Amino acid sequence: MEDKSSPENDEASPPTSETKLLFSQEEIESMAKGFILAWVRGQIVIQFPTGEEMYAQSKETFGRQISKNEAVDWEIKNKDNFNDLIEICSGRRPASPDELTTATNALFRKILDWREGERIKGSFLEYSFEERMAELERKLEATNRIVVEFIKWYRGSTSGESVPKM
C-alpha cells in the first residue's frame, strides 16, 4: 500500500521561475506518454492498492482508521482518477492546456509513487527515446537498401559489365 497519494490531492504545483528543474515539462510529458503507451500495450501492469490494504494500513497512511466502506471507495476513486488522467493525457477527453499540464504532472507523480512502492511491474521507455529508436530503424533500413544496391552494382562491375559513373 505504498501509494500514499489520494485522488483528490494529485495536482502538482507548477514550478516558479526560480526553481531549478531536474526534468523539463517536455521530459515529464514524454515520460507520461511512454508510460501510457506501455500500459496500453500491456508492457506494464499497475498493482493498485486494494480496499483491503487501505483498510489495514489506513491509520498509518491517513492518520486515522477508516471504515471498510471508505477503503473500498478510496480504491474505486483511485482507479477512476487514474482512468481520468489517462483519458486527459491521451487526448481522449477534451481538456484545456492547463488541465492537460495538471493531468500530466499528476500522472507523473503517480508513476513516481508507484515505482517507489514497487507497484509497477514491467518497464517503459521515455516516449522521445521510442521516437529516436524508430528514426534510427528507418535510417538503418535506408542504409541497408543502399548497401544492397551497392552490392548489386559491385557484382555487376566485376562480371565484366560496364560500371556506371557515380
N, C-alpha and C. Protein backbone atom coordinates (compact mmCIF):
# COMPACT_ATOMS: atom_id res chain seq x y z
N MET A 1 0.82 -1.19 0.00
CA MET A 1 0.00 0.00 0.00
C MET A 1 0.87 1.25 0.00
N GLU A 2 1.92 1.24 -0.70
CA GLU A 2 2.87 2.34 -0.68
C GLU A 2 2.36 3.62 -1.31
N ASP A 3 1.29 3.56 -2.09
CA ASP A 3 0.75 4.74 -2.77
C ASP A 3 0.04 5.60 -1.74
N LYS A 4 0.73 6.65 -1.26
CA LYS A 4 0.18 7.48 -0.18
C LYS A 4 -0.54 8.71 -0.68
N SER A 5 -0.65 8.84 -1.98
CA SER A 5 -1.38 9.99 -2.51
C SER A 5 -2.85 9.67 -2.55
N SER A 6 -3.66 10.69 -2.43
CA SER A 6 -5.09 10.47 -2.57
C SER A 6 -5.52 11.07 -3.89
N PRO A 7 -6.57 10.54 -4.48
CA PRO A 7 -7.00 11.05 -5.79
C PRO A 7 -7.29 12.53 -5.78
N GLU A 8 -7.72 13.05 -4.66
CA GLU A 8 -8.09 14.47 -4.61
C GLU A 8 -6.87 15.38 -4.55
N ASN A 9 -5.69 14.87 -4.18
CA ASN A 9 -4.51 15.71 -3.97
C ASN A 9 -3.39 15.41 -4.94
N ASP A 10 -3.70 14.99 -6.16
CA ASP A 10 -2.67 14.59 -7.11
C ASP A 10 -2.14 15.72 -7.96
N GLU A 11 -2.62 16.92 -7.81
CA GLU A 11 -2.17 18.02 -8.65
C GLU A 11 -0.84 18.55 -8.13
N ALA A 12 0.13 18.62 -9.02
CA ALA A 12 1.44 19.15 -8.65
C ALA A 12 1.45 20.66 -8.87
N SER A 13 2.14 21.37 -8.00
CA SER A 13 2.26 22.81 -8.15
C SER A 13 3.24 23.11 -9.27
N PRO A 14 2.92 24.07 -10.12
CA PRO A 14 3.86 24.41 -11.19
C PRO A 14 5.11 25.05 -10.61
N PRO A 15 6.25 24.82 -11.24
CA PRO A 15 7.48 25.40 -10.73
C PRO A 15 7.50 26.92 -10.91
N THR A 16 8.20 27.59 -10.04
CA THR A 16 8.36 29.04 -10.17
C THR A 16 9.57 29.30 -11.07
N SER A 17 9.78 30.56 -11.43
CA SER A 17 10.90 30.89 -12.30
C SER A 17 12.24 30.67 -11.60
N GLU A 18 12.26 30.64 -10.26
CA GLU A 18 13.50 30.42 -9.52
C GLU A 18 13.82 28.94 -9.35
N THR A 19 12.88 28.07 -9.66
CA THR A 19 13.06 26.65 -9.46
C THR A 19 14.00 26.07 -10.51
N LYS A 20 14.99 25.31 -10.05
CA LYS A 20 15.88 24.59 -10.97
C LYS A 20 15.28 23.21 -11.15
N LEU A 21 14.85 22.92 -12.37
CA LEU A 21 14.14 21.69 -12.66
C LEU A 21 15.09 20.55 -12.98
N LEU A 22 14.78 19.38 -12.45
CA LEU A 22 15.51 18.18 -12.82
C LEU A 22 15.01 17.69 -14.17
N PHE A 23 13.70 17.74 -14.38
CA PHE A 23 13.08 17.37 -15.66
C PHE A 23 12.29 18.57 -16.17
N SER A 24 12.40 18.82 -17.45
CA SER A 24 11.58 19.87 -18.06
C SER A 24 10.15 19.34 -18.21
N GLN A 25 9.22 20.23 -18.46
CA GLN A 25 7.83 19.82 -18.68
C GLN A 25 7.74 18.90 -19.89
N GLU A 26 8.55 19.16 -20.91
CA GLU A 26 8.55 18.31 -22.10
C GLU A 26 9.03 16.90 -21.76
N GLU A 27 10.03 16.78 -20.88
CA GLU A 27 10.52 15.46 -20.48
C GLU A 27 9.48 14.72 -19.64
N ILE A 28 8.78 15.44 -18.78
CA ILE A 28 7.71 14.84 -17.98
C ILE A 28 6.61 14.33 -18.91
N GLU A 29 6.25 15.15 -19.89
CA GLU A 29 5.23 14.75 -20.86
C GLU A 29 5.68 13.52 -21.65
N SER A 30 6.96 13.49 -22.02
CA SER A 30 7.49 12.35 -22.77
C SER A 30 7.46 11.08 -21.92
N MET A 31 7.80 11.18 -20.64
CA MET A 31 7.75 10.02 -19.76
C MET A 31 6.31 9.55 -19.56
N ALA A 32 5.40 10.51 -19.39
CA ALA A 32 3.99 10.15 -19.22
C ALA A 32 3.47 9.46 -20.48
N LYS A 33 3.84 9.96 -21.64
CA LYS A 33 3.40 9.37 -22.90
C LYS A 33 3.97 7.95 -23.05
N GLY A 34 5.25 7.78 -22.71
CA GLY A 34 5.85 6.45 -22.76
C GLY A 34 5.16 5.48 -21.82
N PHE A 35 4.80 5.98 -20.63
CA PHE A 35 4.09 5.16 -19.65
C PHE A 35 2.72 4.73 -20.19
N ILE A 36 1.98 5.69 -20.74
CA ILE A 36 0.65 5.38 -21.27
C ILE A 36 0.75 4.36 -22.40
N LEU A 37 1.69 4.56 -23.32
CA LEU A 37 1.85 3.61 -24.43
C LEU A 37 2.20 2.22 -23.92
N ALA A 38 3.10 2.14 -22.95
CA ALA A 38 3.47 0.83 -22.39
C ALA A 38 2.29 0.18 -21.68
N TRP A 39 1.50 0.97 -20.97
CA TRP A 39 0.34 0.44 -20.26
C TRP A 39 -0.71 -0.08 -21.26
N VAL A 40 -0.96 0.71 -22.31
CA VAL A 40 -1.94 0.31 -23.32
C VAL A 40 -1.48 -0.97 -24.02
N ARG A 41 -0.18 -1.08 -24.29
CA ARG A 41 0.37 -2.25 -24.97
C ARG A 41 0.48 -3.48 -24.06
N GLY A 42 0.27 -3.29 -22.76
CA GLY A 42 0.38 -4.40 -21.82
C GLY A 42 1.81 -4.68 -21.39
N GLN A 43 2.72 -3.74 -21.63
CA GLN A 43 4.12 -3.92 -21.25
C GLN A 43 4.35 -3.67 -19.77
N ILE A 44 3.41 -2.98 -19.15
CA ILE A 44 3.48 -2.76 -17.70
C ILE A 44 2.13 -3.09 -17.09
N VAL A 45 2.18 -3.46 -15.83
CA VAL A 45 0.97 -3.75 -15.06
C VAL A 45 1.08 -2.92 -13.79
N ILE A 46 -0.01 -2.28 -13.43
CA ILE A 46 -0.06 -1.49 -12.20
C ILE A 46 -0.82 -2.27 -11.16
N GLN A 47 -0.23 -2.42 -10.00
CA GLN A 47 -0.90 -3.09 -8.89
C GLN A 47 -1.44 -2.00 -7.97
N PHE A 48 -2.70 -1.63 -8.20
CA PHE A 48 -3.33 -0.59 -7.40
C PHE A 48 -3.51 -1.07 -5.97
N PRO A 49 -3.43 -0.15 -5.01
CA PRO A 49 -3.73 -0.53 -3.63
C PRO A 49 -5.19 -1.00 -3.53
N THR A 50 -5.40 -2.11 -2.88
CA THR A 50 -6.76 -2.63 -2.72
C THR A 50 -7.42 -1.99 -1.52
N GLY A 51 -8.75 -2.08 -1.50
CA GLY A 51 -9.50 -1.58 -0.34
C GLY A 51 -9.06 -2.28 0.94
N GLU A 52 -8.76 -3.56 0.82
CA GLU A 52 -8.30 -4.33 1.98
C GLU A 52 -6.98 -3.78 2.51
N GLU A 53 -6.05 -3.48 1.60
CA GLU A 53 -4.77 -2.89 2.01
C GLU A 53 -5.00 -1.52 2.66
N MET A 54 -5.86 -0.74 2.03
CA MET A 54 -6.13 0.60 2.55
C MET A 54 -6.70 0.52 3.96
N TYR A 55 -7.63 -0.38 4.16
CA TYR A 55 -8.25 -0.54 5.48
C TYR A 55 -7.20 -0.95 6.50
N ALA A 56 -6.36 -1.94 6.15
CA ALA A 56 -5.37 -2.46 7.08
C ALA A 56 -4.32 -1.42 7.47
N GLN A 57 -3.98 -0.52 6.54
CA GLN A 57 -2.91 0.44 6.81
C GLN A 57 -3.40 1.88 6.86
N SER A 58 -4.69 2.09 7.04
CA SER A 58 -5.24 3.45 6.98
C SER A 58 -4.75 4.33 8.11
N LYS A 59 -4.57 3.78 9.29
CA LYS A 59 -4.13 4.62 10.41
C LYS A 59 -2.75 5.21 10.09
N GLU A 60 -1.88 4.39 9.53
CA GLU A 60 -0.53 4.84 9.15
C GLU A 60 -0.59 5.83 7.98
N THR A 61 -1.43 5.53 7.01
CA THR A 61 -1.49 6.34 5.79
C THR A 61 -2.26 7.64 5.99
N PHE A 62 -3.43 7.54 6.60
CA PHE A 62 -4.30 8.71 6.73
C PHE A 62 -4.29 9.33 8.11
N GLY A 63 -3.63 8.70 9.06
CA GLY A 63 -3.60 9.22 10.42
C GLY A 63 -4.85 8.87 11.22
N ARG A 64 -5.72 8.07 10.65
CA ARG A 64 -6.93 7.62 11.34
C ARG A 64 -7.37 6.31 10.72
N GLN A 65 -8.10 5.55 11.48
CA GLN A 65 -8.64 4.30 10.95
C GLN A 65 -9.88 4.62 10.12
N ILE A 66 -9.88 4.17 8.89
CA ILE A 66 -11.04 4.39 8.03
C ILE A 66 -11.89 3.12 8.03
N SER A 67 -13.13 3.26 7.65
CA SER A 67 -14.02 2.10 7.60
C SER A 67 -13.71 1.28 6.35
N LYS A 68 -14.21 0.06 6.34
CA LYS A 68 -14.02 -0.79 5.16
C LYS A 68 -14.69 -0.18 3.94
N ASN A 69 -15.85 0.44 4.14
CA ASN A 69 -16.53 1.09 3.02
C ASN A 69 -15.71 2.26 2.47
N GLU A 70 -15.13 3.06 3.37
CA GLU A 70 -14.28 4.16 2.92
C GLU A 70 -13.08 3.63 2.14
N ALA A 71 -12.51 2.52 2.60
CA ALA A 71 -11.35 1.93 1.92
C ALA A 71 -11.72 1.47 0.51
N VAL A 72 -12.86 0.85 0.37
CA VAL A 72 -13.31 0.40 -0.95
C VAL A 72 -13.61 1.62 -1.83
N ASP A 73 -14.24 2.64 -1.25
CA ASP A 73 -14.50 3.88 -2.00
C ASP A 73 -13.19 4.50 -2.49
N TRP A 74 -12.17 4.51 -1.62
CA TRP A 74 -10.87 5.08 -1.97
C TRP A 74 -10.25 4.27 -3.11
N GLU A 75 -10.35 2.95 -3.04
CA GLU A 75 -9.81 2.10 -4.10
C GLU A 75 -10.47 2.43 -5.44
N ILE A 76 -11.78 2.56 -5.44
CA ILE A 76 -12.52 2.88 -6.66
C ILE A 76 -12.16 4.27 -7.17
N LYS A 77 -12.10 5.26 -6.26
CA LYS A 77 -11.73 6.63 -6.66
C LYS A 77 -10.33 6.67 -7.25
N ASN A 78 -9.42 5.90 -6.66
CA ASN A 78 -8.03 5.86 -7.13
C ASN A 78 -7.97 5.35 -8.57
N LYS A 79 -8.69 4.28 -8.86
CA LYS A 79 -8.72 3.72 -10.22
C LYS A 79 -9.43 4.66 -11.18
N ASP A 80 -10.53 5.27 -10.72
CA ASP A 80 -11.25 6.24 -11.56
C ASP A 80 -10.36 7.44 -11.88
N ASN A 81 -9.63 7.91 -10.86
CA ASN A 81 -8.72 9.04 -11.06
C ASN A 81 -7.65 8.69 -12.08
N PHE A 82 -7.11 7.49 -12.00
CA PHE A 82 -6.11 7.04 -12.97
C PHE A 82 -6.71 7.04 -14.38
N ASN A 83 -7.90 6.49 -14.52
CA ASN A 83 -8.55 6.47 -15.83
C ASN A 83 -8.80 7.89 -16.35
N ASP A 84 -9.20 8.79 -15.46
CA ASP A 84 -9.40 10.19 -15.86
C ASP A 84 -8.10 10.79 -16.38
N LEU A 85 -7.00 10.55 -15.66
CA LEU A 85 -5.70 11.08 -16.09
C LEU A 85 -5.29 10.53 -17.44
N ILE A 86 -5.48 9.23 -17.64
CA ILE A 86 -5.14 8.61 -18.92
C ILE A 86 -5.97 9.22 -20.04
N GLU A 87 -7.26 9.40 -19.81
CA GLU A 87 -8.12 9.98 -20.85
C GLU A 87 -7.72 11.40 -21.19
N ILE A 88 -7.38 12.19 -20.19
CA ILE A 88 -6.97 13.57 -20.44
C ILE A 88 -5.62 13.61 -21.14
N CYS A 89 -4.65 12.87 -20.61
CA CYS A 89 -3.30 12.90 -21.18
C CYS A 89 -3.25 12.32 -22.59
N SER A 90 -4.10 11.37 -22.88
CA SER A 90 -4.09 10.74 -24.21
C SER A 90 -4.91 11.52 -25.23
N GLY A 91 -5.64 12.53 -24.77
CA GLY A 91 -6.47 13.32 -25.69
C GLY A 91 -7.85 12.73 -25.90
N ARG A 92 -8.16 11.67 -25.22
CA ARG A 92 -9.49 11.04 -25.34
C ARG A 92 -10.57 11.95 -24.76
N ARG A 93 -10.22 12.68 -23.71
CA ARG A 93 -11.15 13.62 -23.10
C ARG A 93 -10.62 15.03 -23.34
N PRO A 94 -11.45 15.89 -23.92
CA PRO A 94 -11.00 17.27 -24.18
C PRO A 94 -10.59 17.97 -22.88
N ALA A 95 -9.52 18.74 -22.97
CA ALA A 95 -9.03 19.48 -21.81
C ALA A 95 -8.31 20.74 -22.29
N SER A 96 -8.33 21.73 -21.44
CA SER A 96 -7.58 22.96 -21.74
C SER A 96 -6.09 22.66 -21.58
N PRO A 97 -5.22 23.53 -22.11
CA PRO A 97 -3.78 23.31 -21.92
C PRO A 97 -3.38 23.21 -20.44
N ASP A 98 -4.01 24.04 -19.59
CA ASP A 98 -3.71 23.98 -18.15
C ASP A 98 -4.16 22.66 -17.55
N GLU A 99 -5.34 22.19 -17.94
CA GLU A 99 -5.84 20.91 -17.44
C GLU A 99 -4.94 19.76 -17.90
N LEU A 100 -4.46 19.84 -19.13
CA LEU A 100 -3.56 18.81 -19.65
C LEU A 100 -2.25 18.80 -18.87
N THR A 101 -1.69 19.96 -18.60
CA THR A 101 -0.45 20.04 -17.82
C THR A 101 -0.66 19.51 -16.42
N THR A 102 -1.77 19.87 -15.80
CA THR A 102 -2.08 19.39 -14.45
C THR A 102 -2.23 17.87 -14.44
N ALA A 103 -2.93 17.34 -15.43
CA ALA A 103 -3.13 15.89 -15.50
C ALA A 103 -1.80 15.17 -15.75
N THR A 104 -0.97 15.71 -16.62
CA THR A 104 0.32 15.10 -16.92
C THR A 104 1.20 15.08 -15.67
N ASN A 105 1.23 16.19 -14.94
CA ASN A 105 2.03 16.25 -13.71
C ASN A 105 1.49 15.30 -12.65
N ALA A 106 0.16 15.18 -12.57
CA ALA A 106 -0.44 14.26 -11.60
C ALA A 106 -0.12 12.81 -11.97
N LEU A 107 -0.15 12.49 -13.26
CA LEU A 107 0.20 11.14 -13.69
C LEU A 107 1.67 10.86 -13.40
N PHE A 108 2.53 11.82 -13.65
CA PHE A 108 3.95 11.66 -13.37
C PHE A 108 4.17 11.39 -11.87
N ARG A 109 3.46 12.12 -11.04
CA ARG A 109 3.57 11.90 -9.60
C ARG A 109 3.13 10.48 -9.23
N LYS A 110 2.06 10.02 -9.84
CA LYS A 110 1.60 8.65 -9.59
C LYS A 110 2.66 7.64 -10.03
N ILE A 111 3.27 7.88 -11.18
CA ILE A 111 4.32 6.98 -11.66
C ILE A 111 5.44 6.90 -10.62
N LEU A 112 5.85 8.05 -10.10
CA LEU A 112 6.90 8.06 -9.09
C LEU A 112 6.47 7.30 -7.83
N ASP A 113 5.25 7.56 -7.37
CA ASP A 113 4.73 6.87 -6.18
C ASP A 113 4.67 5.37 -6.40
N TRP A 114 4.17 4.97 -7.56
CA TRP A 114 4.04 3.54 -7.84
C TRP A 114 5.39 2.87 -7.98
N ARG A 115 6.35 3.55 -8.58
CA ARG A 115 7.71 2.99 -8.68
C ARG A 115 8.29 2.81 -7.28
N GLU A 116 8.14 3.83 -6.46
CA GLU A 116 8.67 3.76 -5.10
C GLU A 116 8.02 2.61 -4.33
N GLY A 117 6.74 2.42 -4.53
CA GLY A 117 6.01 1.36 -3.84
C GLY A 117 6.07 0.02 -4.54
N GLU A 118 6.89 -0.07 -5.59
CA GLU A 118 7.03 -1.31 -6.37
C GLU A 118 5.69 -1.83 -6.87
N ARG A 119 4.86 -0.90 -7.33
CA ARG A 119 3.53 -1.25 -7.82
C ARG A 119 3.46 -1.31 -9.34
N ILE A 120 4.54 -0.98 -10.03
CA ILE A 120 4.58 -1.08 -11.49
C ILE A 120 5.44 -2.29 -11.83
N LYS A 121 4.86 -3.23 -12.54
CA LYS A 121 5.59 -4.41 -13.00
C LYS A 121 5.84 -4.23 -14.49
N GLY A 122 7.06 -4.39 -14.90
CA GLY A 122 7.45 -4.16 -16.28
C GLY A 122 8.19 -2.84 -16.39
N SER A 123 8.51 -2.47 -17.60
CA SER A 123 9.23 -1.21 -17.79
C SER A 123 8.71 -0.48 -19.01
N PHE A 124 9.04 0.78 -19.08
CA PHE A 124 8.62 1.60 -20.21
C PHE A 124 9.72 2.59 -20.51
N LEU A 125 9.77 3.01 -21.76
CA LEU A 125 10.77 3.96 -22.21
C LEU A 125 10.15 5.34 -22.32
N GLU A 126 10.97 6.33 -22.11
CA GLU A 126 10.53 7.70 -22.37
C GLU A 126 10.12 7.76 -23.84
N TYR A 127 9.03 8.42 -24.13
CA TYR A 127 8.49 8.42 -25.50
C TYR A 127 9.50 8.96 -26.50
N SER A 128 10.23 10.00 -26.15
CA SER A 128 11.18 10.56 -27.11
C SER A 128 12.26 9.54 -27.44
N PHE A 129 12.56 8.64 -26.50
CA PHE A 129 13.51 7.57 -26.76
C PHE A 129 12.94 6.62 -27.81
N GLU A 130 11.65 6.30 -27.68
CA GLU A 130 10.99 5.45 -28.68
C GLU A 130 11.01 6.12 -30.04
N GLU A 131 10.77 7.43 -30.07
CA GLU A 131 10.81 8.15 -31.34
C GLU A 131 12.20 8.08 -31.96
N ARG A 132 13.23 8.27 -31.13
CA ARG A 132 14.61 8.19 -31.63
C ARG A 132 14.92 6.79 -32.15
N MET A 133 14.46 5.77 -31.45
CA MET A 133 14.68 4.39 -31.90
C MET A 133 13.98 4.15 -33.24
N ALA A 134 12.76 4.64 -33.38
CA ALA A 134 12.03 4.46 -34.64
C ALA A 134 12.77 5.17 -35.78
N GLU A 135 13.29 6.36 -35.51
CA GLU A 135 14.04 7.11 -36.52
C GLU A 135 15.32 6.35 -36.89
N LEU A 136 16.00 5.80 -35.91
CA LEU A 136 17.20 5.00 -36.20
C LEU A 136 16.86 3.77 -37.04
N GLU A 137 15.74 3.14 -36.73
CA GLU A 137 15.31 1.97 -37.52
C GLU A 137 15.03 2.37 -38.97
N ARG A 138 14.39 3.52 -39.17
CA ARG A 138 14.12 3.98 -40.54
C ARG A 138 15.44 4.26 -41.28
N LYS A 139 16.38 4.90 -40.59
CA LYS A 139 17.67 5.20 -41.22
C LYS A 139 18.44 3.91 -41.51
N LEU A 140 18.37 2.94 -40.62
CA LEU A 140 19.05 1.67 -40.84
C LEU A 140 18.46 0.95 -42.05
N GLU A 141 17.15 0.97 -42.19
CA GLU A 141 16.51 0.36 -43.36
C GLU A 141 16.97 1.04 -44.64
N ALA A 142 17.05 2.37 -44.62
CA ALA A 142 17.51 3.10 -45.81
C ALA A 142 18.97 2.75 -46.11
N THR A 143 19.78 2.66 -45.07
CA THR A 143 21.19 2.29 -45.26
C THR A 143 21.30 0.88 -45.83
N ASN A 144 20.49 -0.03 -45.31
CA ASN A 144 20.51 -1.40 -45.82
C ASN A 144 20.14 -1.44 -47.30
N ARG A 145 19.15 -0.66 -47.71
CA ARG A 145 18.76 -0.62 -49.13
C ARG A 145 19.93 -0.11 -49.99
N ILE A 146 20.64 0.90 -49.50
CA ILE A 146 21.77 1.45 -50.25
C ILE A 146 22.88 0.41 -50.35
N VAL A 147 23.14 -0.30 -49.26
CA VAL A 147 24.18 -1.34 -49.27
C VAL A 147 23.82 -2.44 -50.26
N VAL A 148 22.57 -2.87 -50.27
CA VAL A 148 22.13 -3.90 -51.22
C VAL A 148 22.33 -3.41 -52.65
N GLU A 149 21.94 -2.17 -52.92
CA GLU A 149 22.14 -1.61 -54.27
C GLU A 149 23.62 -1.53 -54.62
N PHE A 150 24.46 -1.15 -53.66
CA PHE A 150 25.90 -1.07 -53.89
C PHE A 150 26.46 -2.46 -54.21
N ILE A 151 26.02 -3.48 -53.47
CA ILE A 151 26.49 -4.85 -53.72
C ILE A 151 26.08 -5.30 -55.11
N LYS A 152 24.84 -5.01 -55.49
CA LYS A 152 24.39 -5.37 -56.83
C LYS A 152 25.24 -4.66 -57.88
N TRP A 153 25.50 -3.38 -57.67
CA TRP A 153 26.32 -2.62 -58.60
C TRP A 153 27.73 -3.18 -58.66
N TYR A 154 28.30 -3.50 -57.50
CA TYR A 154 29.68 -4.01 -57.44
C TYR A 154 29.77 -5.36 -58.14
N ARG A 155 28.82 -6.24 -57.87
CA ARG A 155 28.82 -7.55 -58.53
C ARG A 155 28.69 -7.41 -60.04
N GLY A 156 27.91 -6.46 -60.45
CA GLY A 156 27.77 -6.21 -61.89
C GLY A 156 29.05 -5.67 -62.48
N SER A 157 29.81 -4.88 -61.73
CA SER A 157 31.05 -4.29 -62.26
C SER A 157 32.16 -5.32 -62.32
N THR A 158 32.12 -6.33 -61.49
CA THR A 158 33.17 -7.35 -61.51
C THR A 158 32.89 -8.46 -62.52
N SER A 159 31.70 -8.45 -63.09
CA SER A 159 31.37 -9.50 -64.07
C SER A 159 31.69 -9.06 -65.49
N GLY A 160 32.38 -7.96 -65.63
CA GLY A 160 32.78 -7.50 -66.95
C GLY A 160 31.84 -6.49 -67.56
N GLU A 161 30.72 -6.19 -66.88
CA GLU A 161 29.79 -5.18 -67.39
C GLU A 161 30.41 -3.81 -67.18
N SER A 162 29.94 -2.87 -67.95
CA SER A 162 30.46 -1.52 -67.76
C SER A 162 29.94 -0.96 -66.43
N VAL A 163 30.80 -0.24 -65.75
CA VAL A 163 30.49 0.31 -64.44
C VAL A 163 29.98 1.72 -64.62
N PRO A 164 28.77 2.00 -64.11
CA PRO A 164 28.26 3.37 -64.23
C PRO A 164 29.08 4.32 -63.35
N LYS A 165 29.22 5.55 -63.80
CA LYS A 165 29.96 6.54 -63.02
C LYS A 165 29.08 7.05 -61.89
N MET A 166 29.68 7.26 -60.72
CA MET A 166 28.95 7.75 -59.55
C MET A 166 29.31 9.16 -59.26
